[in-house]
Amino acid sequence: MATLPAWSQPDWASDVAEPFRSDGEFWSSLAASADALVSLAAAVAIAVVLVLVGERVWWSLLPFLAPAGLAARAALIARSSSRRNREAFEDRRAWREAERTAVSKGFSGALRRSRVSSR
């Protein structure tokens, strides 16, 4: 299991229930999803500028590679985390509801976290 990132320790993270709170891969997946969302906003802005300055449409699609890569990374990490955490619940429905709640409580913090490490 991955170690917990330092940014997953603040008070807002305590709202996330177990087994998600102590799962490093859950937090890594949440971070990659948040990064994909932030980079998607940047990609849209860059693509609009490229179209406005008259570049070909294909050049305008290139900025979307980064968000797509981050989203794929998030999906791969989430898949591994989900398999492990699913075992802690009675049925798939209970697990799915708990996971949705955990994501909704942790995602805003993942968006607001510092992306610069202080190592």
C-alpha atoms as a PDB file:
ATOM      1  CA  MET A   1       0.000   0.000   0.000  1.00  0.00           C
ATOM      2  CA  ALA A   2       1.238   3.494  -0.789  1.00  0.00           C
ATOM      3  CA  THR A   3       2.142   5.826   2.053  1.00  0.00           C
ATOM      4  CA  LEU A   4      -0.235   8.645   2.810  1.00  0.00           C
ATOM      5  CA  PRO A   5       0.708  11.962   1.243  1.00  0.00           C
ATOM      6  CA  ALA A   6       1.336  14.773   3.726  1.00  0.00           C
ATOM      7  CA  TRP A   7      -1.499  16.873   2.295  1.00  0.00           C
ATOM      8  CA  SER A   8      -4.037  14.159   3.206  1.00  0.00           C
ATOM      9  CA  GLN A   9      -3.543  14.809   6.932  1.00  0.00           C
ATOM     10  CA  PRO A  10      -5.374  18.131   7.522  1.00  0.00           C
ATOM     11  CA  ASP A  11      -8.696  18.395   9.335  1.00  0.00           C
ATOM     12  CA  TRP A  12     -10.796  18.157   6.173  1.00  0.00           C
ATOM     13  CA  ALA A  13      -9.360  14.696   5.511  1.00  0.00           C
ATOM     14  CA  SER A  14     -10.716  13.415   8.830  1.00  0.00           C
ATOM     15  CA  ASP A  15     -14.224  13.575   7.315  1.00  0.00           C
ATOM     16  CA  VAL A  16     -13.275  10.742   4.950  1.00  0.00           C
ATOM     17  CA  ALA A  17     -14.302   7.379   6.394  1.00  0.00           C
ATOM     18  CA  GLU A  18     -12.202   4.251   6.662  1.00  0.00           C
ATOM     19  CA  PRO A  19     -10.975   2.279   4.761  1.00  0.00           C
ATOM     20  CA  PHE A  20     -10.478   5.191   2.356  1.00  0.00           C
ATOM     21  CA  ARG A  21      -8.854   7.574   4.849  1.00  0.00           C
ATOM     22  CA  SER A  22      -5.861   5.310   5.429  1.00  0.00           C
ATOM     23  CA  ASP A  23      -5.470   4.236   1.795  1.00  0.00           C
ATOM     24  CA  GLY A  24      -2.594   6.031   0.102  1.00  0.00           C
ATOM     25  CA  GLU A  25      -3.756   4.943  -3.343  1.00  0.00           C
ATOM     26  CA  PHE A  26      -7.173   6.507  -2.731  1.00  0.00           C
ATOM     27  CA  TRP A  27      -5.468   9.847  -2.008  1.00  0.00           C
ATOM     28  CA  SER A  28      -3.117   9.481  -4.974  1.00  0.00           C
ATOM     29  CA  SER A  29      -6.055   8.794  -7.276  1.00  0.00           C
ATOM     30  CA  LEU A  30      -7.943  11.764  -5.870  1.00  0.00           C
ATOM     31  CA  ALA A  31      -4.889  13.980  -6.420  1.00  0.00           C
ATOM     32  CA  ALA A  32      -4.459  12.793 -10.015  1.00  0.00           C
ATOM     33  CA  SER A  33      -8.158  13.443 -10.673  1.00  0.00           C
ATOM     34  CA  ALA A  34      -7.875  16.953  -9.243  1.00  0.00           C
ATOM     35  CA  ASP A  35      -4.741  17.592 -11.293  1.00  0.00           C
ATOM     36  CA  ALA A  36      -6.549  16.372 -14.417  1.00  0.00           C
ATOM     37  CA  LEU A  37      -9.357  18.838 -13.759  1.00  0.00           C
ATOM     38  CA  VAL A  38      -6.963  21.748 -13.219  1.00  0.00           C
ATOM     39  CA  SER A  39      -4.947  20.852 -16.314  1.00  0.00           C
ATOM     40  CA  LEU A  40      -8.168  20.512 -18.325  1.00  0.00           C
ATOM     41  CA  ALA A  41      -9.018  24.130 -17.525  1.00  0.00           C
ATOM     42  CA  ALA A  42      -5.542  25.184 -18.634  1.00  0.00           C
ATOM     43  CA  ALA A  43      -5.829  23.063 -21.803  1.00  0.00           C
ATOM     44  CA  VAL A  44      -9.117  24.726 -22.729  1.00  0.00           C
ATOM     45  CA  ALA A  45      -7.561  28.180 -22.311  1.00  0.00           C
ATOM     46  CA  ILE A  46      -4.509  27.239 -24.389  1.00  0.00           C
ATOM     47  CA  ALA A  47      -6.656  25.629 -27.101  1.00  0.00           C
ATOM     48  CA  VAL A  48      -8.846  28.727 -27.361  1.00  0.00           C
ATOM     49  CA  VAL A  49      -5.771  30.942 -27.741  1.00  0.00           C
ATOM     50  CA  LEU A  50      -4.355  28.636 -30.423  1.00  0.00           C
ATOM     51  CA  VAL A  51      -7.601  28.756 -32.402  1.00  0.00           C
ATOM     52  CA  LEU A  52      -7.858  32.533 -32.062  1.00  0.00           C
ATOM     53  CA  VAL A  53      -4.323  33.086 -33.384  1.00  0.00           C
ATOM     54  CA  GLY A  54      -5.141  30.961 -36.422  1.00  0.00           C
ATOM     55  CA  GLU A  55      -3.329  27.694 -35.710  1.00  0.00           C
ATOM     56  CA  ARG A  56      -4.631  24.501 -37.240  1.00  0.00           C
ATOM     57  CA  VAL A  57      -7.206  22.566 -35.264  1.00  0.00           C
ATOM     58  CA  TRP A  58      -4.756  19.700 -34.657  1.00  0.00           C
ATOM     59  CA  TRP A  59      -2.434  21.984 -32.685  1.00  0.00           C
ATOM     60  CA  SER A  60      -5.402  22.984 -30.534  1.00  0.00           C
ATOM     61  CA  LEU A  61      -5.905  19.353 -29.523  1.00  0.00           C
ATOM     62  CA  LEU A  62      -2.372  18.863 -28.179  1.00  0.00           C
ATOM     63  CA  PRO A  63      -2.940  20.618 -24.825  1.00  0.00           C
ATOM     64  CA  PHE A  64      -5.545  17.960 -23.974  1.00  0.00           C
ATOM     65  CA  LEU A  65      -2.921  15.192 -23.815  1.00  0.00           C
ATOM     66  CA  ALA A  66      -1.859  16.154 -20.288  1.00  0.00           C
ATOM     67  CA  PRO A  67      -5.360  16.012 -18.753  1.00  0.00           C
ATOM     68  CA  ALA A  68      -6.044  12.752 -20.577  1.00  0.00           C
ATOM     69  CA  GLY A  69      -2.838  11.237 -19.198  1.00  0.00           C
ATOM     70  CA  LEU A  70      -3.633  12.377 -15.667  1.00  0.00           C
ATOM     71  CA  ALA A  71      -7.171  11.019 -15.916  1.00  0.00           C
ATOM     72  CA  ALA A  72      -5.836   7.658 -17.127  1.00  0.00           C
ATOM     73  CA  ARG A  73      -3.345   7.599 -14.238  1.00  0.00           C
ATOM     74  CA  ALA A  74      -6.141   8.371 -11.772  1.00  0.00           C
ATOM     75  CA  ALA A  75      -8.277   5.576 -13.203  1.00  0.00           C
ATOM     76  CA  LEU A  76      -5.493   2.998 -12.926  1.00  0.00           C
ATOM     77  CA  ILE A  77      -4.693   3.922  -9.334  1.00  0.00           C
ATOM     78  CA  ALA A  78      -8.398   4.039  -8.409  1.00  0.00           C
ATOM     79  CA  ARG A  79      -8.945   0.581  -9.842  1.00  0.00           C
ATOM     80  CA  SER A  80      -6.321  -0.909  -7.560  1.00  0.00           C
ATOM     81  CA  SER A  81      -7.591   1.003  -4.536  1.00  0.00           C
ATOM     82  CA  SER A  82     -11.195   0.058  -5.247  1.00  0.00           C
ATOM     83  CA  ARG A  83     -10.441  -3.648  -5.453  1.00  0.00           C
ATOM     84  CA  ARG A  84      -8.777  -3.574  -2.054  1.00  0.00           C
ATOM     85  CA  ASN A  85     -11.396  -1.395  -0.336  1.00  0.00           C
ATOM     86  CA  ARG A  86     -14.388  -3.286  -1.752  1.00  0.00           C
ATOM     87  CA  GLU A  87     -13.576  -6.215   0.515  1.00  0.00           C
ATOM     88  CA  ALA A  88     -14.421  -4.141   3.615  1.00  0.00           C
ATOM     89  CA  PHE A  89     -18.109  -3.842   2.642  1.00  0.00           C
ATOM     90  CA  GLU A  90     -21.020  -6.254   2.665  1.00  0.00           C
ATOM     91  CA  ASP A  91     -22.072  -5.647  -0.909  1.00  0.00           C
ATOM     92  CA  ARG A  92     -21.227  -3.603  -3.968  1.00  0.00           C
ATOM     93  CA  ARG A  93     -23.964  -1.054  -3.324  1.00  0.00           C
ATOM     94  CA  ALA A  94     -22.682  -0.219   0.185  1.00  0.00           C
ATOM     95  CA  TRP A  95     -19.114   0.058  -1.108  1.00  0.00           C
ATOM     96  CA  ARG A  96     -20.126   2.301  -4.025  1.00  0.00           C
ATOM     97  CA  GLU A  97     -22.054   4.668  -1.736  1.00  0.00           C
ATOM     98  CA  ALA A  98     -19.177   4.830   0.765  1.00  0.00           C
ATOM     99  CA  GLU A  99     -16.674   5.520  -2.025  1.00  0.00           C
ATOM    100  CA  ARG A 100     -18.825   8.293  -3.488  1.00  0.00           C
ATOM    101  CA  THR A 101     -19.127   9.892  -0.065  1.00  0.00           C
ATOM    102  CA  ALA A 102     -15.369   9.650   0.506  1.00  0.00           C
ATOM    103  CA  VAL A 103     -14.616  11.237  -2.861  1.00  0.00           C
ATOM    104  CA  SER A 104     -17.116  14.041  -2.297  1.00  0.00           C
ATOM    105  CA  LYS A 105     -15.584  14.831   1.103  1.00  0.00           C
ATOM    106  CA  GLY A 106     -11.981  14.665  -0.083  1.00  0.00           C
ATOM    107  CA  PHE A 107     -12.027  16.120  -3.593  1.00  0.00           C
ATOM    108  CA  SER A 108     -12.259  19.800  -2.684  1.00  0.00           C
ATOM    109  CA  GLY A 109      -9.248  19.412  -0.404  1.00  0.00           C
ATOM    110  CA  ALA A 110      -7.349  17.654  -3.179  1.00  0.00           C
ATOM    111  CA  LEU A 111      -8.105  20.601  -5.464  1.00  0.00           C
ATOM    112  CA  ARG A 112      -6.921  23.140  -2.871  1.00  0.00           C
ATOM    113  CA  ARG A 113      -3.788  21.275  -1.784  1.00  0.00           C
ATOM    114  CA  SER A 114      -0.332  22.674  -2.352  1.00  0.00           C
ATOM    115  CA  ARG A 115       1.222  21.148  -5.437  1.00  0.00           C
ATOM    116  CA  VAL A 116       4.735  22.201  -4.431  1.00  0.00           C
ATOM    117  CA  SER A 117       6.540  19.844  -2.100  1.00  0.00           C
ATOM    118  CA  SER A 118       8.519  21.269   0.819  1.00  0.00           C
ATOM    119  CA  ARG A 119      11.027  18.407   1.046  1.00  0.00           C
END
